[in-house]
C-alpha atoms as a PDB file:
ATOM      1  CA  UNK A   1      20.328  -5.462  31.357  1.00  0.00           C
ATOM      2  CA  UNK A   2      22.171  -8.756  31.812  1.00  0.00           C
ATOM      3  CA  UNK A   3      20.300 -12.038  31.896  1.00  0.00           C
ATOM      4  CA  UNK A   4      21.962 -15.271  32.989  1.00  0.00           C
ATOM      5  CA  UNK A   5      20.388 -18.569  32.048  1.00  0.00           C
ATOM      6  CA  UNK A   6      21.791 -21.835  33.360  1.00  0.00           C
ATOM      7  CA  UNK A   7      21.263 -24.561  30.785  1.00  0.00           C
ATOM      8  CA  UNK A   8      23.523 -27.057  32.564  1.00  0.00           C
ATOM      9  CA  UNK A   9      25.362 -26.836  35.888  1.00  0.00           C
ATOM     10  CA  UNK A  10      28.716 -26.351  34.138  1.00  0.00           C
ATOM     11  CA  UNK A  11      27.413 -24.001  31.436  1.00  0.00           C
ATOM     12  CA  UNK A  12      26.024 -20.471  31.582  1.00  0.00           C
ATOM     13  CA  UNK A  13      24.647 -18.427  28.749  1.00  0.00           C
ATOM     14  CA  UNK A  14      24.835 -14.631  28.939  1.00  0.00           C
ATOM     15  CA  UNK A  15      22.344 -12.598  26.926  1.00  0.00           C
ATOM     16  CA  UNK A  16      22.342  -8.860  26.675  1.00  0.00           C
ATOM     17  CA  UNK A  17      19.018  -7.265  25.944  1.00  0.00           C
ATOM     18  CA  UNK A  18      19.189  -3.916  24.218  1.00  0.00           C
ATOM     19  CA  UNK A  19      16.176  -1.725  24.679  1.00  0.00           C
ATOM     20  CA  UNK A  20      15.491   1.498  22.859  1.00  0.00           C
ATOM     21  CA  UNK A  21      15.151   4.701  24.788  1.00  0.00           C
ATOM     22  CA  UNK A  22      11.504   5.447  25.579  1.00  0.00           C
ATOM     23  CA  UNK A  23      11.505   8.517  23.340  1.00  0.00           C
ATOM     24  CA  UNK A  24      13.238   6.826  20.400  1.00  0.00           C
ATOM     25  CA  UNK A  25      10.844   6.083  17.543  1.00  0.00           C
ATOM     26  CA  UNK A  26      11.884   2.975  15.644  1.00  0.00           C
ATOM     27  CA  UNK A  27       8.874   2.869  13.335  1.00  0.00           C
ATOM     28  CA  UNK A  28       9.168   4.290   9.813  1.00  0.00           C
ATOM     29  CA  UNK A  29       8.008   7.852   9.315  1.00  0.00           C
ATOM     30  CA  UNK A  30       4.722   8.600   7.526  1.00  0.00           C
ATOM     31  CA  UNK A  31       4.984   9.143   3.783  1.00  0.00           C
ATOM     32  CA  UNK A  32       4.792  12.701   2.522  1.00  0.00           C
ATOM     33  CA  UNK A  33       1.971  13.828   0.254  1.00  0.00           C
ATOM     34  CA  UNK A  34       4.413  14.395  -2.620  1.00  0.00           C
ATOM     35  CA  UNK A  35       5.781  10.852  -2.512  1.00  0.00           C
ATOM     36  CA  UNK A  36       2.255   9.452  -2.317  1.00  0.00           C
ATOM     37  CA  UNK A  37       1.204  11.457  -5.375  1.00  0.00           C
ATOM     38  CA  UNK A  38       4.368  10.493  -7.282  1.00  0.00           C
ATOM     39  CA  UNK A  39       3.727   6.794  -6.598  1.00  0.00           C
ATOM     40  CA  UNK A  40       0.078   7.258  -7.579  1.00  0.00           C
ATOM     41  CA  UNK A  41       1.189   8.839 -10.864  1.00  0.00           C
ATOM     42  CA  UNK A  42       3.539   5.902 -11.612  1.00  0.00           C
ATOM     43  CA  UNK A  43       0.784   3.424 -10.778  1.00  0.00           C
ATOM     44  CA  UNK A  44      -1.743   5.281 -12.919  1.00  0.00           C
ATOM     45  CA  UNK A  45       0.519   4.784 -15.950  1.00  0.00           C
ATOM     46  CA  UNK A  46       0.716   1.055 -15.238  1.00  0.00           C
ATOM     47  CA  UNK A  47      -3.012   0.873 -14.611  1.00  0.00           C
ATOM     48  CA  UNK A  48      -3.752   2.676 -17.869  1.00  0.00           C
ATOM     49  CA  UNK A  49      -1.706   0.082 -19.769  1.00  0.00           C
ATOM     50  CA  UNK A  50      -3.555  -2.680 -17.916  1.00  0.00           C
ATOM     51  CA  UNK A  51      -6.896  -1.097 -18.881  1.00  0.00           C
ATOM     52  CA  UNK A  52      -5.838  -1.099 -22.533  1.00  0.00           C
ATOM     53  CA  UNK A  53      -5.003  -4.806 -22.349  1.00  0.00           C
ATOM     54  CA  UNK A  54      -8.168  -5.648 -20.416  1.00  0.00           C
ATOM     55  CA  UNK A  55     -10.302  -3.756 -22.943  1.00  0.00           C
ATOM     56  CA  UNK A  56      -8.518  -5.399 -25.879  1.00  0.00           C
ATOM     57  CA  UNK A  57      -9.369  -8.793 -24.366  1.00  0.00           C
ATOM     58  CA  UNK A  58     -13.062  -7.901 -24.726  1.00  0.00           C
ATOM     59  CA  UNK A  59     -12.876  -7.261 -28.479  1.00  0.00           C
ATOM     60  CA  UNK A  60     -13.490 -10.901 -29.498  1.00  0.00           C
ATOM     61  CA  UNK A  61     -16.765 -10.761 -27.537  1.00  0.00           C
ATOM     62  CA  UNK A  62     -17.929  -7.617 -29.365  1.00  0.00           C
ATOM     63  CA  UNK A  63     -17.057  -8.802 -32.849  1.00  0.00           C
ATOM     64  CA  UNK A  64     -14.161  -6.354 -32.976  1.00  0.00           C
ATOM     65  CA  UNK A  65     -16.441  -3.357 -32.413  1.00  0.00           C
ATOM     66  CA  UNK A  66     -15.358  -0.619 -30.037  1.00  0.00           C
ATOM     67  CA  UNK A  67     -17.077  -0.427 -26.660  1.00  0.00           C
ATOM     68  CA  UNK A  68     -18.562   2.968 -25.863  1.00  0.00           C
ATOM     69  CA  UNK A  69     -16.883   4.682 -22.938  1.00  0.00           C
ATOM     70  CA  UNK A  70     -20.205   5.321 -21.180  1.00  0.00           C
ATOM     71  CA  UNK A  71     -21.013   1.610 -21.016  1.00  0.00           C
ATOM     72  CA  UNK A  72     -21.705   0.767 -17.337  1.00  0.00           C
ATOM     73  CA  UNK A  73     -20.457  -2.804 -17.785  1.00  0.00           C
ATOM     74  CA  UNK A  74     -17.120  -1.540 -19.101  1.00  0.00           C
ATOM     75  CA  UNK A  75     -16.828   0.940 -16.226  1.00  0.00           C
ATOM     76  CA  UNK A  76     -17.562  -1.811 -13.693  1.00  0.00           C
ATOM     77  CA  UNK A  77     -15.102  -4.156 -15.399  1.00  0.00           C
ATOM     78  CA  UNK A  78     -12.332  -1.523 -15.268  1.00  0.00           C
ATOM     79  CA  UNK A  79     -13.159  -0.747 -11.634  1.00  0.00           C
ATOM     80  CA  UNK A  80     -12.700  -4.444 -10.775  1.00  0.00           C
ATOM     81  CA  UNK A  81      -9.420  -4.500 -12.713  1.00  0.00           C
ATOM     82  CA  UNK A  82      -8.238  -1.464 -10.709  1.00  0.00           C
ATOM     83  CA  UNK A  83      -9.305  -2.987  -7.404  1.00  0.00           C
ATOM     84  CA  UNK A  84      -7.469  -6.244  -8.045  1.00  0.00           C
ATOM     85  CA  UNK A  85      -4.387  -4.377  -9.338  1.00  0.00           C
ATOM     86  CA  UNK A  86      -4.036  -2.447  -6.087  1.00  0.00           C
ATOM     87  CA  UNK A  87      -5.365  -5.236  -3.894  1.00  0.00           C
ATOM     88  CA  UNK A  88      -2.902  -7.847  -5.125  1.00  0.00           C
ATOM     89  CA  UNK A  89       0.082  -5.553  -4.584  1.00  0.00           C
ATOM     90  CA  UNK A  90      -1.118  -4.320  -1.193  1.00  0.00           C
ATOM     91  CA  UNK A  91      -1.737  -7.871   0.014  1.00  0.00           C
ATOM     92  CA  UNK A  92       1.619  -9.145  -1.322  1.00  0.00           C
ATOM     93  CA  UNK A  93       4.273  -6.973   0.273  1.00  0.00           C
ATOM     94  CA  UNK A  94       2.310  -3.748   0.733  1.00  0.00           C
ATOM     95  CA  UNK A  95       3.856  -2.081  -2.301  1.00  0.00           C
ATOM     96  CA  UNK A  96       2.656  -1.340  -5.808  1.00  0.00           C
ATOM     97  CA  UNK A  97       5.366  -0.804  -8.409  1.00  0.00           C
ATOM     98  CA  UNK A  98       5.061   2.965  -7.987  1.00  0.00           C
ATOM     99  CA  UNK A  99       5.342   2.579  -4.219  1.00  0.00           C
ATOM    100  CA  UNK A 100       8.498   0.486  -4.660  1.00  0.00           C
ATOM    101  CA  UNK A 101      10.055   3.184  -6.829  1.00  0.00           C
ATOM    102  CA  UNK A 102       9.363   5.815  -4.157  1.00  0.00           C
ATOM    103  CA  UNK A 103      10.187   3.508  -1.192  1.00  0.00           C
ATOM    104  CA  UNK A 104       6.682   3.551   0.252  1.00  0.00           C
ATOM    105  CA  UNK A 105       4.816   0.698   1.892  1.00  0.00           C
ATOM    106  CA  UNK A 106       1.249   0.121   3.021  1.00  0.00           C
ATOM    107  CA  UNK A 107       1.061  -1.198   6.569  1.00  0.00           C
ATOM    108  CA  UNK A 108      -1.731  -2.324   8.832  1.00  0.00           C
ATOM    109  CA  UNK A 109      -2.217  -0.045  11.838  1.00  0.00           C
ATOM    110  CA  UNK A 110      -3.320  -3.127  13.782  1.00  0.00           C
ATOM    111  CA  UNK A 111      -1.144  -6.210  14.342  1.00  0.00           C
ATOM    112  CA  UNK A 112      -0.954  -8.505  11.317  1.00  0.00           C
ATOM    113  CA  UNK A 113      -0.908  -8.164   7.561  1.00  0.00           C
ATOM    114  CA  UNK A 114      -3.285  -5.994   5.536  1.00  0.00           C
ATOM    115  CA  UNK A 115      -6.551  -7.885   4.974  1.00  0.00           C
ATOM    116  CA  UNK A 116      -8.800  -8.003   1.909  1.00  0.00           C
ATOM    117  CA  UNK A 117     -11.448  -6.110   3.888  1.00  0.00           C
ATOM    118  CA  UNK A 118      -8.943  -3.314   4.533  1.00  0.00           C
ATOM    119  CA  UNK A 119      -8.004  -3.320   0.843  1.00  0.00           C
ATOM    120  CA  UNK A 120     -11.683  -3.022  -0.091  1.00  0.00           C
ATOM    121  CA  UNK A 121     -12.305  -0.185   2.370  1.00  0.00           C
ATOM    122  CA  UNK A 122      -9.122   1.621   1.354  1.00  0.00           C
ATOM    123  CA  UNK A 123      -9.873   1.370  -2.361  1.00  0.00           C
ATOM    124  CA  UNK A 124     -13.486   2.507  -2.149  1.00  0.00           C
ATOM    125  CA  UNK A 125     -12.657   5.473   0.117  1.00  0.00           C
ATOM    126  CA  UNK A 126      -9.612   6.451  -1.990  1.00  0.00           C
ATOM    127  CA  UNK A 127     -11.811   6.970  -5.049  1.00  0.00           C
ATOM    128  CA  UNK A 128     -13.929   9.771  -3.502  1.00  0.00           C
ATOM    129  CA  UNK A 129     -10.802  11.052  -1.696  1.00  0.00           C
ATOM    130  CA  UNK A 130      -9.376  11.837  -5.105  1.00  0.00           C
ATOM    131  CA  UNK A 131     -12.598  12.846  -6.836  1.00  0.00           C
ATOM    132  CA  UNK A 132     -13.526  15.441  -4.211  1.00  0.00           C
ATOM    133  CA  UNK A 133     -10.764  17.775  -5.420  1.00  0.00           C
ATOM    134  CA  UNK A 134      -8.182  15.550  -3.733  1.00  0.00           C
ATOM    135  CA  UNK A 135      -9.371  16.520  -0.249  1.00  0.00           C
ATOM    136  CA  UNK A 136      -8.866  13.006   1.112  1.00  0.00           C
ATOM    137  CA  UNK A 137      -5.241  13.104   0.010  1.00  0.00           C
ATOM    138  CA  UNK A 138      -4.673  16.718   1.094  1.00  0.00           C
ATOM    139  CA  UNK A 139      -5.879  15.710   4.558  1.00  0.00           C
ATOM    140  CA  UNK A 140      -2.345  14.337   5.104  1.00  0.00           C
ATOM    141  CA  UNK A 141      -1.139  17.944   5.382  1.00  0.00           C
ATOM    142  CA  UNK A 142      -3.352  18.733   8.403  1.00  0.00           C
ATOM    143  CA  UNK A 143      -3.606  15.335  10.112  1.00  0.00           C
ATOM    144  CA  UNK A 144      -1.350  14.932  13.167  1.00  0.00           C
ATOM    145  CA  UNK A 145      -0.501  11.344  12.194  1.00  0.00           C
ATOM    146  CA  UNK A 146      -0.218  12.253   8.466  1.00  0.00           C
ATOM    147  CA  UNK A 147      -3.081   9.910   7.545  1.00  0.00           C
ATOM    148  CA  UNK A 148      -5.381  10.359   4.558  1.00  0.00           C
ATOM    149  CA  UNK A 149      -9.098   9.642   4.677  1.00  0.00           C
ATOM    150  CA  UNK A 150      -8.595   6.158   3.235  1.00  0.00           C
ATOM    151  CA  UNK A 151      -5.728   5.475   5.677  1.00  0.00           C
ATOM    152  CA  UNK A 152      -8.004   6.294   8.594  1.00  0.00           C
ATOM    153  CA  UNK A 153     -11.060   4.438   7.330  1.00  0.00           C
ATOM    154  CA  UNK A 154      -9.176   1.241   6.458  1.00  0.00           C
ATOM    155  CA  UNK A 155      -6.905   1.369   9.535  1.00  0.00           C
ATOM    156  CA  UNK A 156      -3.796   1.326   7.345  1.00  0.00           C
ATOM    157  CA  UNK A 157      -0.962   3.764   6.771  1.00  0.00           C
ATOM    158  CA  UNK A 158       1.637   4.550   4.123  1.00  0.00           C
ATOM    159  CA  UNK A 159       5.190   4.758   5.465  1.00  0.00           C
ATOM    160  CA  UNK A 160       8.463   5.967   3.995  1.00  0.00           C
ATOM    161  CA  UNK A 161      11.091   3.211   3.978  1.00  0.00           C
ATOM    162  CA  UNK A 162      14.839   3.821   4.256  1.00  0.00           C
ATOM    163  CA  UNK A 163      15.483   1.140   1.657  1.00  0.00           C
ATOM    164  CA  UNK A 164      13.290  -1.038  -0.503  1.00  0.00           C
ATOM    165  CA  UNK A 165      12.850  -4.474   1.139  1.00  0.00           C
ATOM    166  CA  UNK A 166      12.491  -6.145  -2.277  1.00  0.00           C
ATOM    167  CA  UNK A 167      15.650  -4.692  -3.795  1.00  0.00           C
ATOM    168  CA  UNK A 168      18.074  -7.523  -3.011  1.00  0.00           C
ATOM    169  CA  UNK A 169      15.516 -10.321  -2.902  1.00  0.00           C
ATOM    170  CA  UNK A 170      16.136 -13.236  -5.278  1.00  0.00           C
ATOM    171  CA  UNK A 171      13.357 -15.460  -6.510  1.00  0.00           C
END
């Protein structure tokens, strides 16, 4: 397709528009279950370290005494820590550190960036997805669009990138 635009009587600008073939898919492919689980494993190691630090920060408030693992306040505190760990990464670039290592990215299935509401929905559906024998994650193997339960519920998706967008970025 050739488009001619006359900016001035003596000047013409020629633009060539390149369009993809109708059957060509330019969007990234869905992430495989194995890459998702590998990234989740990496992130769980980071999250475990963060839990240790977050729990250590509570020691001055308990007089140095250990907090019992069944304490509902501790469980809630660690749940909030986990939510904000994932939420911050998903809202800022769509990648946790584990996702960066495996070249995965969380994307909104609707136009625009991932919202905090989507992060909340994704997080609180991902927990039972894993706890119910991993069925929510295994759903990727039978879903036509390769979406997990939490992908579907939060209207997000995990895609496999060809290269990490943050690799050559300088701050």
